[in-house]
Amino acid sequence: MADVGRALGHPSRLRLLALLESGEMCVCQTVALLDQAASTVSGHLSELRRAGLLQERREGKLVFYRWAEDPATRSFLRDVVTRLGEDPVIAEDRRRGERLREIPIAELCAVDLDLEAVGVSAGAPTKGEGDVC
């Protein structure tokens, strides 16, 4: 339980949990949406996975994350996301996440994770070492 509490103790990790409520996303999609360095977002995703809240799937060099399959964990995550209420950052993430899911990942990578270039309103993501695309 301490691992779960620690995993929930950062705003970016709460944003990620809310984003993944609608289904899995590639690390590159979450990097673009959170507008943070790939290494930072990957660390947050790994922390959530270690706590048993997320699962990962690899497809070539791409890594996809989704909520854990366990029914009790999913129920817990629904409660957590519900408690986030109508937070404006979470609401905007959801809106942009829905639009981004419609865009092929290869197209997002081709524009170096620039959301505006693929028609999703937001600033260009922060670039850092270990960019995923």
C-alpha atoms as a PDB file:
ATOM      1  CA  MET A   1       0.000   0.000   0.000  1.00  0.00           C
ATOM      2  CA  ALA A   2       2.942   2.327   0.637  1.00  0.00           C
ATOM      3  CA  ASP A   3       4.020   1.870  -3.007  1.00  0.00           C
ATOM      4  CA  VAL A   4       0.516   2.801  -4.171  1.00  0.00           C
ATOM      5  CA  GLY A   5       0.452   5.864  -1.933  1.00  0.00           C
ATOM      6  CA  ARG A   6       3.858   6.963  -3.200  1.00  0.00           C
ATOM      7  CA  ALA A   7       2.772   6.396  -6.814  1.00  0.00           C
ATOM      8  CA  LEU A   8      -0.329   8.559  -6.323  1.00  0.00           C
ATOM      9  CA  GLY A   9       1.656  11.320  -4.650  1.00  0.00           C
ATOM     10  CA  HIS A  10       2.630  13.257  -7.781  1.00  0.00           C
ATOM     11  CA  PRO A  11       0.339  15.397  -9.978  1.00  0.00           C
ATOM     12  CA  SER A  12       1.829  14.051 -13.221  1.00  0.00           C
ATOM     13  CA  ARG A  13       1.111  10.475 -12.178  1.00  0.00           C
ATOM     14  CA  LEU A  14      -2.491  11.399 -11.403  1.00  0.00           C
ATOM     15  CA  ARG A  15      -2.731  12.995 -14.841  1.00  0.00           C
ATOM     16  CA  LEU A  16      -1.398   9.791 -16.402  1.00  0.00           C
ATOM     17  CA  LEU A  17      -3.924   7.641 -14.557  1.00  0.00           C
ATOM     18  CA  ALA A  18      -6.750   9.883 -15.760  1.00  0.00           C
ATOM     19  CA  LEU A  19      -5.436   9.786 -19.351  1.00  0.00           C
ATOM     20  CA  LEU A  20      -5.235   5.996 -19.319  1.00  0.00           C
ATOM     21  CA  GLU A  21      -8.783   5.607 -18.052  1.00  0.00           C
ATOM     22  CA  SER A  22      -9.930   5.695 -21.694  1.00  0.00           C
ATOM     23  CA  GLY A  23      -7.495   2.983 -22.775  1.00  0.00           C
ATOM     24  CA  GLU A  24      -3.859   2.352 -23.450  1.00  0.00           C
ATOM     25  CA  MET A  25      -1.478   4.933 -24.823  1.00  0.00           C
ATOM     26  CA  CYS A  26       2.050   4.837 -26.162  1.00  0.00           C
ATOM     27  CA  VAL A  27       4.737   6.493 -24.066  1.00  0.00           C
ATOM     28  CA  CYS A  28       5.303   8.977 -26.900  1.00  0.00           C
ATOM     29  CA  GLN A  29       1.643  10.047 -26.741  1.00  0.00           C
ATOM     30  CA  THR A  30       1.855  10.646 -22.995  1.00  0.00           C
ATOM     31  CA  VAL A  31       5.133  12.554 -23.399  1.00  0.00           C
ATOM     32  CA  ALA A  32       3.486  14.865 -25.928  1.00  0.00           C
ATOM     33  CA  LEU A  33       0.388  15.394 -23.790  1.00  0.00           C
ATOM     34  CA  LEU A  34       2.185  16.030 -20.515  1.00  0.00           C
ATOM     35  CA  ASP A  35       4.724  18.292 -22.231  1.00  0.00           C
ATOM     36  CA  GLN A  36       7.561  16.785 -20.192  1.00  0.00           C
ATOM     37  CA  ALA A  37      10.831  15.055 -21.065  1.00  0.00           C
ATOM     38  CA  ALA A  38      10.501  11.434 -22.109  1.00  0.00           C
ATOM     39  CA  SER A  39      12.745  10.297 -19.269  1.00  0.00           C
ATOM     40  CA  THR A  40      10.502  12.061 -16.741  1.00  0.00           C
ATOM     41  CA  VAL A  41       7.275  10.593 -18.107  1.00  0.00           C
ATOM     42  CA  SER A  42       8.833   7.130 -18.401  1.00  0.00           C
ATOM     43  CA  GLY A  43       9.856   7.355 -14.761  1.00  0.00           C
ATOM     44  CA  HIS A  44       6.310   8.261 -13.727  1.00  0.00           C
ATOM     45  CA  LEU A  45       4.862   5.390 -15.771  1.00  0.00           C
ATOM     46  CA  SER A  46       7.385   2.961 -14.276  1.00  0.00           C
ATOM     47  CA  GLU A  47       6.481   4.080 -10.760  1.00  0.00           C
ATOM     48  CA  LEU A  48       2.796   3.431 -11.460  1.00  0.00           C
ATOM     49  CA  ARG A  49       3.640   0.011 -12.948  1.00  0.00           C
ATOM     50  CA  ARG A  50       5.805  -0.963  -9.951  1.00  0.00           C
ATOM     51  CA  ALA A  51       2.884  -0.080  -7.666  1.00  0.00           C
ATOM     52  CA  GLY A  52       0.704  -2.518  -9.634  1.00  0.00           C
ATOM     53  CA  LEU A  53      -1.566   0.173 -11.061  1.00  0.00           C
ATOM     54  CA  LEU A  54      -0.489  -0.084 -14.715  1.00  0.00           C
ATOM     55  CA  GLN A  55       0.565  -2.772 -17.160  1.00  0.00           C
ATOM     56  CA  GLU A  56       2.835  -2.335 -20.152  1.00  0.00           C
ATOM     57  CA  ARG A  57       2.894  -3.869 -23.610  1.00  0.00           C
ATOM     58  CA  ARG A  58       5.750  -3.619 -26.088  1.00  0.00           C
ATOM     59  CA  GLU A  59       5.298  -3.356 -29.839  1.00  0.00           C
ATOM     60  CA  GLY A  60       8.717  -3.054 -31.472  1.00  0.00           C
ATOM     61  CA  LYS A  61      10.388  -0.009 -29.942  1.00  0.00           C
ATOM     62  CA  LEU A  62       7.066   1.388 -28.729  1.00  0.00           C
ATOM     63  CA  VAL A  63       5.834   0.816 -25.178  1.00  0.00           C
ATOM     64  CA  PHE A  64       2.135   1.084 -24.377  1.00  0.00           C
ATOM     65  CA  TYR A  65       0.634   1.478 -20.901  1.00  0.00           C
ATOM     66  CA  ARG A  66      -2.856   0.735 -19.657  1.00  0.00           C
ATOM     67  CA  TRP A  67      -4.643   0.279 -16.347  1.00  0.00           C
ATOM     68  CA  ALA A  68      -3.945  -3.027 -14.595  1.00  0.00           C
ATOM     69  CA  GLU A  69      -6.406  -5.812 -15.441  1.00  0.00           C
ATOM     70  CA  ASP A  70      -7.214  -6.794 -11.844  1.00  0.00           C
ATOM     71  CA  PRO A  71     -10.872  -5.869 -11.115  1.00  0.00           C
ATOM     72  CA  ALA A  72     -10.118  -4.581  -7.605  1.00  0.00           C
ATOM     73  CA  THR A  73      -7.294  -2.387  -8.922  1.00  0.00           C
ATOM     74  CA  ARG A  74      -9.476  -1.047 -11.737  1.00  0.00           C
ATOM     75  CA  SER A  75     -12.228  -0.217  -9.230  1.00  0.00           C
ATOM     76  CA  PHE A  76      -9.681   1.574  -7.047  1.00  0.00           C
ATOM     77  CA  LEU A  77      -8.386   3.542 -10.066  1.00  0.00           C
ATOM     78  CA  ARG A  78     -11.933   4.546 -11.049  1.00  0.00           C
ATOM     79  CA  ASP A  79     -12.396   5.892  -7.505  1.00  0.00           C
ATOM     80  CA  VAL A  80      -9.108   7.810  -7.702  1.00  0.00           C
ATOM     81  CA  VAL A  81      -9.951   9.340 -11.068  1.00  0.00           C
ATOM     82  CA  THR A  82     -13.473  10.206  -9.882  1.00  0.00           C
ATOM     83  CA  ARG A  83     -11.981  12.061  -6.913  1.00  0.00           C
ATOM     84  CA  LEU A  84     -10.002  14.219  -9.325  1.00  0.00           C
ATOM     85  CA  GLY A  85     -13.379  15.698 -10.187  1.00  0.00           C
ATOM     86  CA  GLU A  86     -13.500  18.361 -12.815  1.00  0.00           C
ATOM     87  CA  ASP A  87      -9.918  19.515 -12.407  1.00  0.00           C
ATOM     88  CA  PRO A  88      -9.301  21.788 -15.428  1.00  0.00           C
ATOM     89  CA  VAL A  89      -5.902  20.241 -16.219  1.00  0.00           C
ATOM     90  CA  ILE A  90      -7.365  16.717 -16.163  1.00  0.00           C
ATOM     91  CA  ALA A  91     -10.315  17.842 -18.308  1.00  0.00           C
ATOM     92  CA  GLU A  92      -7.976  19.394 -20.882  1.00  0.00           C
ATOM     93  CA  ASP A  93      -5.757  16.296 -20.872  1.00  0.00           C
ATOM     94  CA  ARG A  94      -8.796  14.133 -21.559  1.00  0.00           C
ATOM     95  CA  ARG A  95      -9.936  16.360 -24.420  1.00  0.00           C
ATOM     96  CA  ARG A  96      -6.505  16.359 -26.038  1.00  0.00           C
ATOM     97  CA  GLY A  97      -6.019  12.644 -25.327  1.00  0.00           C
ATOM     98  CA  GLU A  98      -9.233  11.752 -27.171  1.00  0.00           C
ATOM     99  CA  ARG A  99      -8.081  13.718 -30.204  1.00  0.00           C
ATOM    100  CA  LEU A 100      -4.549  12.299 -30.048  1.00  0.00           C
ATOM    101  CA  ARG A 101      -5.835   8.715 -30.014  1.00  0.00           C
ATOM    102  CA  GLU A 102      -7.288   9.373 -33.491  1.00  0.00           C
ATOM    103  CA  ILE A 103      -3.834  10.207 -34.907  1.00  0.00           C
ATOM    104  CA  PRO A 104      -1.507   7.386 -35.974  1.00  0.00           C
ATOM    105  CA  ILE A 105       1.548   7.175 -33.723  1.00  0.00           C
ATOM    106  CA  ALA A 106       3.837   7.236 -36.739  1.00  0.00           C
ATOM    107  CA  GLU A 107       2.348  10.600 -37.719  1.00  0.00           C
ATOM    108  CA  LEU A 108       2.991  12.005 -34.237  1.00  0.00           C
ATOM    109  CA  CYS A 109       6.578  10.733 -34.292  1.00  0.00           C
ATOM    110  CA  ALA A 110       7.129  12.149 -37.779  1.00  0.00           C
ATOM    111  CA  VAL A 111       6.522  15.652 -36.415  1.00  0.00           C
ATOM    112  CA  ASP A 112       8.735  15.081 -33.366  1.00  0.00           C
ATOM    113  CA  LEU A 113       5.770  14.900 -30.939  1.00  0.00           C
ATOM    114  CA  ASP A 114       4.529  18.380 -31.890  1.00  0.00           C
ATOM    115  CA  LEU A 115       0.837  18.306 -30.994  1.00  0.00           C
ATOM    116  CA  GLU A 116       0.013  21.476 -32.900  1.00  0.00           C
ATOM    117  CA  ALA A 117       1.494  19.965 -36.071  1.00  0.00           C
ATOM    118  CA  VAL A 118      -1.022  17.111 -35.862  1.00  0.00           C
ATOM    119  CA  GLY A 119      -3.964  19.369 -35.020  1.00  0.00           C
ATOM    120  CA  VAL A 120      -4.066  18.924 -31.237  1.00  0.00           C
ATOM    121  CA  SER A 121      -3.954  22.301 -29.528  1.00  0.00           C
ATOM    122  CA  ALA A 122      -1.013  22.500 -27.116  1.00  0.00           C
ATOM    123  CA  GLY A 123       2.542  23.740 -26.990  1.00  0.00           C
ATOM    124  CA  ALA A 124       5.454  21.742 -28.381  1.00  0.00           C
ATOM    125  CA  PRO A 125       6.682  19.101 -25.922  1.00  0.00           C
ATOM    126  CA  THR A 126       9.819  19.544 -23.880  1.00  0.00           C
ATOM    127  CA  LYS A 127      12.647  17.624 -25.486  1.00  0.00           C
ATOM    128  CA  GLY A 128      15.021  15.656 -23.354  1.00  0.00           C
ATOM    129  CA  GLU A 129      17.413  12.773 -23.569  1.00  0.00           C
ATOM    130  CA  GLY A 130      15.828   9.464 -24.458  1.00  0.00           C
ATOM    131  CA  ASP A 131      12.961  10.829 -26.552  1.00  0.00           C
ATOM    132  CA  VAL A 132      10.802   7.859 -27.437  1.00  0.00           C
ATOM    133  CA  CYS A 133      10.188   8.505 -31.138  1.00  0.00           C
END
